[in-house]
Amino acid sequence: MGGCPFSSRRGFLGAAGSMLAASTLAGRTAAQGTGKSPAAANGNPAASAIGGSSGSDGEVPFHGRHQAGIDTPQQTHAVFASFDLVTDKISDIVRMLRDWTDAAARMTAGRTAEALTGDASAPPADSGDVLGLGPRRLTLTFGFGPGLFEKDGKDRYGLRAKRPAALVDLPRFNGDQLVAGHTGGDFCIQACADDSAVAFHAIRQLARMAEPNDAANGYGGKRAGAAVPYDANPGIAVLRWMQSGFLPDSPPDETPRNLLGFKDGTENPGNPYPAERAGGRLIGNGTFEDVVWVSGEGPDWMQGGSYLVVRRIRIALQHWDNVELDFQEQVIGRRKVSGAPLTGGNEFSPLDLDATDKDGNPVIGDNAHVRLGAASSNDGARILRRGYSYNDGLAMIAERWPPWRQGLEYEAGLLFIAFQRDPRTGFIKIFNNMSKLDLLNQFTTHVGSGIFACPRGVAKGEFIGQELFETV
């Protein structure tokens, strides 16, 4: 194997760099694929990049101009759920959204999804498994998938003309190994909280409100507080896929780390420190207004909203854990312990993408993760990364890069969630070349995916996405 450039990891790095140098691709475009925002408010510059507020009792307001769970200081647990619509009536969807809105406002305030009646002859209105825990900074963020507007070429609900141009079908990226059971959906709900039970409880209650009842299985009666018998509710939406995630409970002045062991979220929008130096000039991180919130473009119902891209990214942790530290740092472009760029300084020092070594080679490699994710490599494109680690135990896995390991491995990785003003100039722009050129790809595989339009926030008396439906 002595003549093979991939026979050592340093050889792989050099060969990959040569391939990139020979590429005729214009620019270096790619995603900050494994990043995530900082944990809850902590006074660290990265944490201050995430806005929002919560009361002393841990309540994050549900009503507001923007949906909570986007610029909210990141909680330590998340459950992402995707739903398929099974009704053919738009009136059913509106009824579901009204119910979801009421329940979300109650649960984010630390109350049950519906009022408890105490009627022992009917199923309880709430499963009751988080009674007494309080809100724990629960946020619920709702999104509409392409299938709400058009599915299999059919305009199911008369909404096709209202589909935003930015709500595109994601292309198939290089290296994708998408699994249907973790991809797509007509609706999504992101539940985040500082308690895993609270986040899962919220998804569980909302799913039950939408799904078919158990009348066919011999369970009669009525929903607590409802006048409609079970057999009159054939269901509106059913769960398609779901993924839970977590963050470390990092100290107040620390940026949390991902499963790779690197700090994540340093360069999110709003960070006051310059993100990078390129072409002799300093470049900032952008603001939420620039990067995240829709403003002026697209339909009225999306003004103040944002577009969510979710990717389930499996990481070959056993492979990564046996790689030399210096190679790990070259792959990412940062020091593992401090989070500082390879070009020096501290975690919040700008990436010096102009810096070269004594031989004239870039200190941060051409195919390093942070270079490919930099705004200057992507015509200024940026996204808000709000991802979570996940661990689903063990699974039989065949890695797609040398050493092509096969067998039982951790079914673990990153629940990557990104918000942006337009995915065409955000995630898609950034990830297109990263999927081909990022050295991190030899350890990661994208196995799940989805895109959703998250409308503006809800005022009291409204329901989620009301402007979209009220003219139909």
Protein backbone atom coordinates (compact mmCIF):
# COMPACT_ATOMS: atom_id res chain seq x y z
CA MET A 1 0.00 0.00 0.00
CA GLY A 2 3.07 2.27 0.05
CA GLY A 3 2.14 3.87 -3.27
CA CYS A 4 -1.43 4.63 -2.26
CA PRO A 5 -2.00 8.25 -1.14
CA PHE A 6 -4.67 7.00 1.30
CA SER A 7 -2.36 4.50 3.03
CA SER A 8 -1.99 6.94 5.94
CA ARG A 9 -4.33 9.56 7.29
CA ARG A 10 -1.79 12.31 6.59
CA GLY A 11 -1.53 10.98 3.07
CA PHE A 12 -5.30 11.16 2.76
CA LEU A 13 -5.24 14.78 3.91
CA GLY A 14 -2.56 15.73 1.39
CA ALA A 15 -4.16 13.84 -1.48
CA ALA A 16 -7.58 15.30 -0.78
CA GLY A 17 -6.04 18.76 -0.69
CA SER A 18 -4.44 18.15 -4.07
CA MET A 19 -7.75 17.00 -5.54
CA LEU A 20 -9.41 20.15 -4.28
CA ALA A 21 -6.66 22.37 -5.68
CA ALA A 22 -7.15 20.77 -9.08
CA SER A 23 -10.91 21.19 -8.97
CA THR A 24 -12.54 23.61 -11.38
CA LEU A 25 -15.38 24.32 -8.97
CA ALA A 26 -15.82 28.05 -8.52
CA GLY A 27 -15.48 28.81 -4.82
CA ARG A 28 -15.58 26.60 -1.80
CA THR A 29 -19.19 26.03 -0.73
CA ALA A 30 -20.24 23.84 2.15
CA ALA A 31 -22.13 23.63 5.40
CA GLN A 32 -21.11 24.10 8.95
CA GLY A 33 -22.65 20.68 9.14
CA THR A 34 -22.10 19.54 12.68
CA GLY A 35 -22.46 22.87 14.47
CA LYS A 36 -24.97 23.78 17.09
CA SER A 37 -25.91 26.85 19.01
CA PRO A 38 -24.75 27.34 22.58
CA ALA A 39 -26.64 26.06 25.58
CA ALA A 40 -28.89 28.26 27.66
CA ALA A 41 -27.98 31.84 28.49
CA ASN A 42 -24.58 31.93 30.00
CA GLY A 43 -22.77 35.15 29.32
CA ASN A 44 -20.32 33.61 26.88
CA PRO A 45 -20.09 35.55 23.60
CA ALA A 46 -21.46 32.62 21.60
CA ALA A 47 -24.39 32.22 23.96
CA SER A 48 -25.26 35.88 23.64
CA ALA A 49 -25.72 35.26 19.92
CA ILE A 50 -28.94 33.43 20.69
CA GLY A 51 -31.68 35.83 21.73
CA GLY A 52 -34.96 35.28 23.54
CA SER A 53 -35.74 35.23 27.23
CA SER A 54 -37.35 33.08 29.86
CA GLY A 55 -38.95 33.85 33.18
CA SER A 56 -37.51 32.92 36.55
CA ASP A 57 -39.80 29.88 36.56
CA GLY A 58 -38.30 28.59 33.31
CA GLU A 59 -41.16 29.66 31.05
CA VAL A 60 -40.41 30.81 27.51
CA PRO A 61 -43.32 32.87 26.12
CA PHE A 62 -45.22 30.98 23.42
CA HIS A 63 -46.82 34.02 21.77
CA GLY A 64 -44.71 36.57 19.94
CA ARG A 65 -43.52 37.95 16.61
CA HIS A 66 -41.33 34.92 15.96
CA GLN A 67 -41.87 31.31 16.95
CA ALA A 68 -39.90 30.33 20.04
CA GLY A 69 -37.26 27.63 19.69
CA ILE A 70 -35.33 29.47 16.98
CA ASP A 71 -33.60 32.40 18.67
CA THR A 72 -34.29 30.98 22.14
CA PRO A 73 -31.18 30.13 24.20
CA GLN A 74 -30.65 26.48 23.36
CA GLN A 75 -32.09 23.93 25.78
CA THR A 76 -30.34 20.68 26.67
CA HIS A 77 -32.89 18.28 25.14
CA ALA A 78 -34.87 18.11 21.91
CA VAL A 79 -37.38 15.86 20.20
CA PHE A 80 -37.98 16.43 16.50
CA ALA A 81 -41.16 14.90 15.04
CA SER A 82 -42.36 14.74 11.44
CA PHE A 83 -45.99 14.01 10.50
CA ASP A 84 -47.88 12.81 7.40
CA LEU A 85 -51.37 14.15 6.76
CA VAL A 86 -54.04 11.46 6.35
CA THR A 87 -57.13 13.65 6.00
CA ASP A 88 -58.43 15.04 2.73
CA LYS A 89 -60.16 18.02 4.36
CA ILE A 90 -58.47 21.35 4.93
CA SER A 91 -61.00 22.05 7.68
CA ASP A 92 -59.51 19.12 9.63
CA ILE A 93 -56.05 20.64 9.33
CA VAL A 94 -57.28 24.00 10.63
CA ARG A 95 -58.98 22.27 13.56
CA MET A 96 -55.79 20.37 14.36
CA LEU A 97 -53.71 23.55 14.23
CA ARG A 98 -56.15 25.30 16.56
CA ASP A 99 -55.91 22.40 19.00
CA TRP A 100 -52.12 22.30 18.70
CA THR A 101 -51.86 26.05 19.31
CA ASP A 102 -53.98 25.90 22.46
CA ALA A 103 -52.12 22.87 23.77
CA ALA A 104 -48.71 24.36 22.99
CA ALA A 105 -49.54 27.57 24.86
CA ARG A 106 -50.64 25.51 27.88
CA MET A 107 -47.67 23.13 27.92
CA THR A 108 -45.03 25.83 27.46
CA ALA A 109 -46.56 27.48 30.53
CA GLY A 110 -46.10 24.25 32.50
CA ARG A 111 -49.74 23.13 32.36
CA THR A 112 -51.36 20.00 30.96
CA ALA A 113 -52.11 19.85 27.23
CA GLU A 114 -55.83 20.09 28.01
CA ALA A 115 -57.70 20.82 31.20
CA LEU A 116 -58.11 17.74 33.41
CA THR A 117 -61.77 16.95 34.12
CA GLY A 118 -61.33 14.16 36.61
CA ASP A 119 -63.84 12.02 34.69
CA ALA A 120 -62.76 8.45 35.46
CA SER A 121 -65.00 7.03 32.73
CA ALA A 122 -62.97 8.68 29.95
CA PRO A 123 -59.28 8.63 29.02
CA PRO A 124 -57.36 11.45 30.71
CA ALA A 125 -56.81 14.57 28.62
CA ASP A 126 -53.07 14.45 29.37
CA SER A 127 -50.79 11.48 30.02
CA GLY A 128 -49.69 13.12 33.27
CA ASP A 129 -46.10 11.91 33.20
CA VAL A 130 -44.60 15.38 33.76
CA LEU A 131 -47.07 16.71 36.32
CA GLY A 132 -45.27 18.95 38.78
CA LEU A 133 -42.14 19.44 36.66
CA GLY A 134 -43.04 22.92 35.39
CA PRO A 135 -42.24 24.27 31.91
CA ARG A 136 -38.45 23.64 31.99
CA ARG A 137 -38.04 26.22 29.18
CA LEU A 138 -40.15 24.13 26.81
CA THR A 139 -40.51 25.57 23.32
CA LEU A 140 -42.58 24.16 20.46
CA THR A 141 -41.73 25.20 16.90
CA PHE A 142 -44.04 24.22 14.03
CA GLY A 143 -43.21 23.86 10.33
CA PHE A 144 -45.04 23.06 7.08
CA GLY A 145 -43.45 20.63 4.62
CA PRO A 146 -43.74 20.59 0.82
CA GLY A 147 -46.38 17.84 1.04
CA LEU A 148 -48.89 20.25 2.57
CA PHE A 149 -48.86 22.20 -0.69
CA GLU A 150 -48.37 19.44 -3.24
CA LYS A 151 -47.81 15.70 -3.04
CA ASP A 152 -47.24 13.30 -5.92
CA GLY A 153 -48.23 16.11 -8.27
CA LYS A 154 -51.58 16.64 -6.56
CA ASP A 155 -52.83 19.87 -4.99
CA ARG A 156 -54.52 18.13 -2.06
CA TYR A 157 -55.82 21.16 -0.19
CA GLY A 158 -55.87 24.00 -2.70
CA LEU A 159 -52.63 25.40 -1.29
CA ARG A 160 -50.23 24.77 -4.18
CA ALA A 161 -50.27 28.40 -5.32
CA LYS A 162 -49.34 29.49 -1.79
CA ARG A 163 -46.19 27.39 -1.59
CA PRO A 164 -43.22 29.70 -0.98
CA ALA A 165 -40.59 29.64 -3.72
CA ALA A 166 -37.96 29.08 -1.03
CA LEU A 167 -39.65 25.85 0.16
CA VAL A 168 -37.87 23.74 -2.43
CA ASP A 169 -37.37 20.00 -2.45
CA LEU A 170 -33.84 19.38 -1.20
CA PRO A 171 -31.54 17.96 -3.89
CA ARG A 172 -29.81 14.65 -3.39
CA PHE A 173 -26.34 15.51 -2.15
CA ASN A 174 -23.18 13.56 -2.77
CA GLY A 175 -22.87 10.73 -0.24
CA ASP A 176 -26.52 10.82 0.91
CA GLN A 177 -27.80 7.47 2.17
CA LEU A 178 -31.25 8.68 3.15
CA VAL A 179 -33.61 6.27 4.87
CA ALA A 180 -37.32 6.76 4.19
CA GLY A 181 -38.07 6.24 7.89
CA HIS A 182 -36.07 9.38 8.75
CA THR A 183 -36.93 11.60 5.78
CA GLY A 184 -39.66 14.01 4.69
CA GLY A 185 -43.00 14.93 6.21
CA ASP A 186 -45.98 17.27 5.72
CA PHE A 187 -45.65 18.89 9.17
CA CYS A 188 -42.92 19.06 11.79
CA ILE A 189 -42.72 19.96 15.45
CA GLN A 190 -39.46 20.73 17.24
CA ALA A 191 -39.82 20.36 21.02
CA CYS A 192 -36.91 21.65 23.11
CA ALA A 193 -36.66 21.72 26.91
CA ASP A 194 -34.20 21.40 29.76
CA ASP A 195 -35.77 18.04 30.65
CA SER A 196 -36.02 15.15 28.18
CA ALA A 197 -39.33 13.98 29.69
CA VAL A 198 -40.92 17.39 29.15
CA ALA A 199 -39.85 17.53 25.49
CA PHE A 200 -41.13 14.02 24.72
CA HIS A 201 -44.33 14.59 26.66
CA ALA A 202 -45.17 17.59 24.47
CA ILE A 203 -44.75 15.63 21.23
CA ARG A 204 -46.76 12.73 22.68
CA GLN A 205 -49.75 14.93 23.53
CA LEU A 206 -49.78 16.76 20.19
CA ALA A 207 -49.48 13.51 18.25
CA ARG A 208 -52.43 12.01 20.12
CA MET A 209 -54.61 14.99 19.22
CA ALA A 210 -53.97 14.39 15.51
CA GLU A 211 -53.79 10.62 15.19
CA PRO A 212 -56.63 8.14 14.67
CA ASN A 213 -58.33 6.97 17.88
CA ASP A 214 -58.54 3.44 19.22
CA ALA A 215 -62.23 2.80 18.54
CA ALA A 216 -61.37 0.07 16.04
CA ASN A 217 -59.51 -1.77 18.77
CA GLY A 218 -62.54 -1.93 21.01
CA TYR A 219 -61.89 1.14 23.14
CA GLY A 220 -65.10 3.11 23.34
CA GLY A 221 -66.01 6.24 25.24
CA LYS A 222 -65.19 9.86 24.59
CA ARG A 223 -62.16 12.06 24.92
CA ALA A 224 -62.18 13.88 28.20
CA GLY A 225 -64.09 17.11 27.81
CA ALA A 226 -65.09 16.30 24.22
CA ALA A 227 -68.52 15.70 22.77
CA VAL A 228 -67.29 13.64 19.81
CA PRO A 229 -67.13 9.84 20.18
CA TYR A 230 -63.86 8.17 19.26
CA ASP A 231 -65.22 6.50 16.15
CA ALA A 232 -66.03 9.93 14.69
CA ASN A 233 -62.31 10.79 14.56
CA PRO A 234 -60.49 8.89 11.79
CA GLY A 235 -57.36 10.97 12.32
CA ILE A 236 -55.78 14.00 10.70
CA ALA A 237 -52.03 13.36 10.84
CA VAL A 238 -49.78 10.48 11.90
CA LEU A 239 -46.17 10.41 13.00
CA ARG A 240 -43.77 9.70 10.15
CA TRP A 241 -40.46 9.81 12.01
CA MET A 242 -39.04 11.14 15.23
CA GLN A 243 -35.58 11.75 16.67
CA SER A 244 -34.51 12.81 20.16
CA GLY A 245 -31.30 14.68 20.89
CA PHE A 246 -29.26 16.09 23.74
CA LEU A 247 -26.54 18.59 24.62
CA PRO A 248 -24.05 18.42 27.48
CA ASP A 249 -24.99 20.51 30.48
CA SER A 250 -22.00 22.75 29.90
CA PRO A 251 -20.73 25.29 32.45
CA PRO A 252 -22.16 28.79 31.98
CA ASP A 253 -19.06 30.13 30.22
CA GLU A 254 -18.48 27.15 27.93
CA THR A 255 -19.67 26.45 24.39
CA PRO A 256 -21.10 22.90 24.35
CA ARG A 257 -19.29 20.13 22.50
CA ASN A 258 -20.59 17.61 19.98
CA LEU A 259 -19.85 13.87 19.95
CA LEU A 260 -16.64 14.56 18.02
CA GLY A 261 -15.41 16.37 21.13
CA PHE A 262 -15.20 19.78 19.45
CA LYS A 263 -16.92 22.97 20.56
CA ASP A 264 -19.93 23.76 18.42
CA GLY A 265 -21.78 27.00 17.77
CA THR A 266 -18.90 29.47 17.93
CA GLU A 267 -19.76 31.24 14.67
CA ASN A 268 -23.56 31.48 14.78
CA PRO A 269 -25.31 34.72 13.79
CA GLY A 270 -25.19 37.44 16.40
CA ASN A 271 -21.73 36.61 17.73
CA PRO A 272 -20.06 40.04 18.10
CA TYR A 273 -16.56 38.76 17.29
CA PRO A 274 -15.37 38.62 13.65
CA ALA A 275 -15.83 35.14 12.24
CA GLU A 276 -12.97 35.05 9.74
CA ARG A 277 -10.26 36.90 7.87
CA ALA A 278 -10.19 36.32 4.13
CA GLY A 279 -8.85 38.35 1.26
CA GLY A 280 -7.24 40.69 3.77
CA ARG A 281 -10.50 41.74 5.44
CA LEU A 282 -12.43 40.72 8.54
CA ILE A 283 -15.88 39.21 8.03
CA GLY A 284 -18.61 39.10 10.70
CA ASN A 285 -21.13 36.45 11.69
CA GLY A 286 -24.21 38.30 10.45
CA THR A 287 -27.36 39.14 12.40
CA PHE A 288 -30.60 37.24 12.90
CA GLU A 289 -32.36 39.72 10.63
CA ASP A 290 -29.81 39.06 7.88
CA VAL A 291 -29.53 35.30 8.27
CA VAL A 292 -32.64 33.83 9.90
CA TRP A 293 -35.87 35.84 9.57
CA VAL A 294 -37.84 36.18 6.35
CA SER A 295 -38.44 39.85 5.63
CA GLY A 296 -39.82 41.38 2.44
CA GLU A 297 -39.57 38.29 0.25
CA GLY A 298 -42.08 35.48 -0.18
CA PRO A 299 -45.73 35.33 0.95
CA ASP A 300 -47.14 37.45 3.75
CA TRP A 301 -47.69 34.45 6.03
CA MET A 302 -43.93 33.80 6.10
CA GLN A 303 -42.89 37.33 7.12
CA GLY A 304 -41.05 36.95 10.43
CA GLY A 305 -40.78 33.20 9.89
CA SER A 306 -37.82 31.03 8.93
CA TYR A 307 -36.99 27.89 6.95
CA LEU A 308 -35.86 24.78 8.80
CA VAL A 309 -33.59 22.12 7.34
CA VAL A 310 -33.09 18.97 9.40
CA ARG A 311 -30.52 16.28 8.71
CA ARG A 312 -29.90 13.09 10.70
CA ILE A 313 -26.14 12.57 10.44
CA ARG A 314 -24.65 9.31 11.62
CA ILE A 315 -21.04 9.60 12.84
CA ALA A 316 -18.58 6.68 12.75
CA LEU A 317 -17.47 7.26 16.33
CA GLN A 318 -15.32 4.14 16.65
CA HIS A 319 -13.40 5.23 13.56
CA TRP A 320 -13.07 8.81 14.78
CA ASP A 321 -11.93 7.78 18.26
CA ASN A 322 -8.93 5.93 16.80
CA VAL A 323 -7.69 8.85 14.69
CA GLU A 324 -4.64 10.90 15.76
CA LEU A 325 -5.45 14.18 17.50
CA ASP A 326 -3.54 16.30 15.00
CA PHE A 327 -5.49 14.78 12.12
CA GLN A 328 -8.80 15.39 13.93
CA GLU A 329 -7.80 19.04 14.33
CA GLN A 330 -6.81 19.37 10.67
CA VAL A 331 -10.14 17.85 9.60
CA ILE A 332 -12.07 20.42 11.64
CA GLY A 333 -9.65 23.36 11.39
CA ARG A 334 -9.69 24.09 15.15
CA ARG A 335 -7.92 22.96 18.29
CA LYS A 336 -9.91 20.34 20.13
CA VAL A 337 -9.40 21.50 23.71
CA SER A 338 -9.52 25.28 23.33
CA GLY A 339 -11.71 25.58 20.23
CA ALA A 340 -9.24 28.10 18.79
CA PRO A 341 -8.60 28.18 15.02
CA LEU A 342 -5.42 26.43 13.85
CA THR A 343 -4.19 29.93 12.97
CA GLY A 344 -4.00 30.81 16.68
CA GLY A 345 -5.73 32.82 19.38
CA ASN A 346 -8.73 31.67 21.38
CA GLU A 347 -12.10 30.18 20.53
CA PHE A 348 -13.48 33.52 19.34
CA SER A 349 -10.45 34.60 17.32
CA PRO A 350 -11.31 34.91 13.62
CA LEU A 351 -10.33 32.09 11.30
CA ASP A 352 -7.36 33.42 9.32
CA LEU A 353 -8.09 31.82 5.99
CA ASP A 354 -5.22 33.77 4.38
CA ALA A 355 -2.55 32.30 6.68
CA THR A 356 0.03 29.95 5.12
CA ASP A 357 2.86 27.86 6.55
CA LYS A 358 6.57 28.11 5.62
CA ASP A 359 5.92 26.03 2.50
CA GLY A 360 3.09 28.29 1.34
CA ASN A 361 0.30 25.84 2.20
CA PRO A 362 -2.82 27.13 3.97
CA VAL A 363 -2.68 26.58 7.73
CA ILE A 364 -6.39 25.79 7.66
CA GLY A 365 -6.57 23.24 4.87
CA ASP A 366 -8.55 23.78 1.69
CA ASN A 367 -10.85 20.91 2.66
CA ALA A 368 -11.03 21.61 6.40
CA HIS A 369 -14.55 21.71 7.79
CA VAL A 370 -14.45 25.29 9.04
CA ARG A 371 -13.02 26.70 5.80
CA LEU A 372 -15.69 25.04 3.71
CA GLY A 373 -18.36 26.38 6.06
CA ALA A 374 -17.02 29.94 6.12
CA ALA A 375 -19.12 32.76 4.67
CA SER A 376 -16.24 33.89 2.47
CA SER A 377 -16.18 30.42 0.89
CA ASN A 378 -19.91 30.57 0.13
CA ASP A 379 -20.60 34.01 -1.34
CA GLY A 380 -21.55 35.24 2.13
CA ALA A 381 -24.05 32.45 2.89
CA ARG A 382 -24.75 31.76 6.57
CA ILE A 383 -27.20 29.68 8.61
CA LEU A 384 -28.19 29.36 12.27
CA ARG A 385 -27.09 25.94 13.48
CA ARG A 386 -29.18 24.56 16.34
CA GLY A 387 -28.30 20.88 16.37
CA TYR A 388 -28.27 18.15 19.02
CA SER A 389 -26.30 14.95 19.51
CA TYR A 390 -28.21 11.66 19.42
CA ASN A 391 -27.50 8.14 20.64
CA ASP A 392 -29.79 5.29 19.59
CA GLY A 393 -27.69 2.39 20.84
CA LEU A 394 -26.06 -0.07 18.41
CA ALA A 395 -26.76 -1.06 14.81
CA MET A 396 -25.15 -3.14 12.06
CA ILE A 397 -23.28 -0.56 9.99
CA ALA A 398 -20.93 -0.64 7.01
CA GLU A 399 -18.74 2.47 6.82
CA ARG A 400 -18.37 4.09 3.41
CA TRP A 401 -14.72 5.17 3.79
CA PRO A 402 -11.50 3.27 4.54
CA PRO A 403 -11.03 1.15 6.58
CA TRP A 404 -14.57 0.14 5.46
CA ARG A 405 -15.35 -1.20 8.90
CA GLN A 406 -18.48 -3.36 9.19
CA GLY A 407 -20.31 -4.67 12.23
CA LEU A 408 -22.04 -3.43 15.33
CA GLU A 409 -21.35 0.27 15.78
CA TYR A 410 -22.87 3.15 17.68
CA GLU A 411 -26.07 4.38 16.04
CA ALA A 412 -25.19 7.90 17.10
CA GLY A 413 -24.42 11.25 15.60
CA LEU A 414 -25.92 14.67 15.05
CA LEU A 415 -29.52 15.80 14.73
CA PHE A 416 -28.53 18.79 12.60
CA ILE A 417 -31.14 21.55 12.62
CA ALA A 418 -30.54 24.79 10.73
CA PHE A 419 -32.72 27.87 10.37
CA GLN A 420 -32.26 30.36 7.56
CA ARG A 421 -33.94 33.08 5.57
CA ASP A 422 -33.78 31.07 2.33
CA PRO A 423 -32.47 27.49 2.06
CA ARG A 424 -31.49 28.03 -1.56
CA THR A 425 -28.91 30.61 -0.50
CA GLY A 426 -28.34 29.03 2.91
CA PHE A 427 -28.04 25.31 3.56
CA ILE A 428 -28.20 24.17 -0.08
CA LYS A 429 -25.60 26.72 -1.16
CA ILE A 430 -23.30 25.82 1.71
CA PHE A 431 -23.66 22.04 1.74
CA ASN A 432 -23.46 21.39 -2.00
CA ASN A 433 -19.66 21.41 -2.13
CA MET A 434 -19.15 20.31 1.45
CA SER A 435 -20.87 17.05 0.56
CA LYS A 436 -18.12 16.50 -2.03
CA LEU A 437 -15.02 18.01 -0.43
CA ASP A 438 -15.22 18.10 3.37
CA LEU A 439 -12.68 15.81 5.05
CA LEU A 440 -15.24 15.16 7.77
CA ASN A 441 -17.28 13.16 5.26
CA GLN A 442 -15.10 10.11 5.87
CA PHE A 443 -16.66 9.92 9.35
CA THR A 444 -20.24 11.11 8.67
CA THR A 445 -23.21 9.86 6.64
CA HIS A 446 -26.46 11.75 6.13
CA VAL A 447 -29.27 9.23 6.65
CA GLY A 448 -32.28 11.51 7.29
CA SER A 449 -33.52 14.79 5.88
CA GLY A 450 -36.38 17.26 5.76
CA ILE A 451 -37.25 20.85 4.90
CA PHE A 452 -40.05 22.93 6.41
CA ALA A 453 -41.41 26.48 6.32
CA CYS A 454 -41.87 27.77 9.88
CA PRO A 455 -44.37 30.66 9.79
CA ARG A 456 -44.17 33.74 11.96
CA GLY A 457 -45.04 33.65 15.63
CA VAL A 458 -48.57 33.44 16.98
CA ALA A 459 -50.46 36.31 18.59
CA LYS A 460 -53.00 35.53 21.30
CA GLY A 461 -56.29 34.46 19.72
CA GLU A 462 -54.58 33.19 16.54
CA PHE A 463 -53.52 29.70 15.52
CA ILE A 464 -50.30 28.55 13.90
CA GLY A 465 -50.12 29.55 10.23
CA GLN A 466 -53.49 31.27 10.32
CA GLU A 467 -52.66 33.67 7.47
CA LEU A 468 -51.95 30.76 5.15
CA PHE A 469 -55.32 29.12 5.70
CA GLU A 470 -57.72 32.02 6.18
CA THR A 471 -57.92 32.88 2.45
CA VAL A 472 -58.63 29.30 1.34
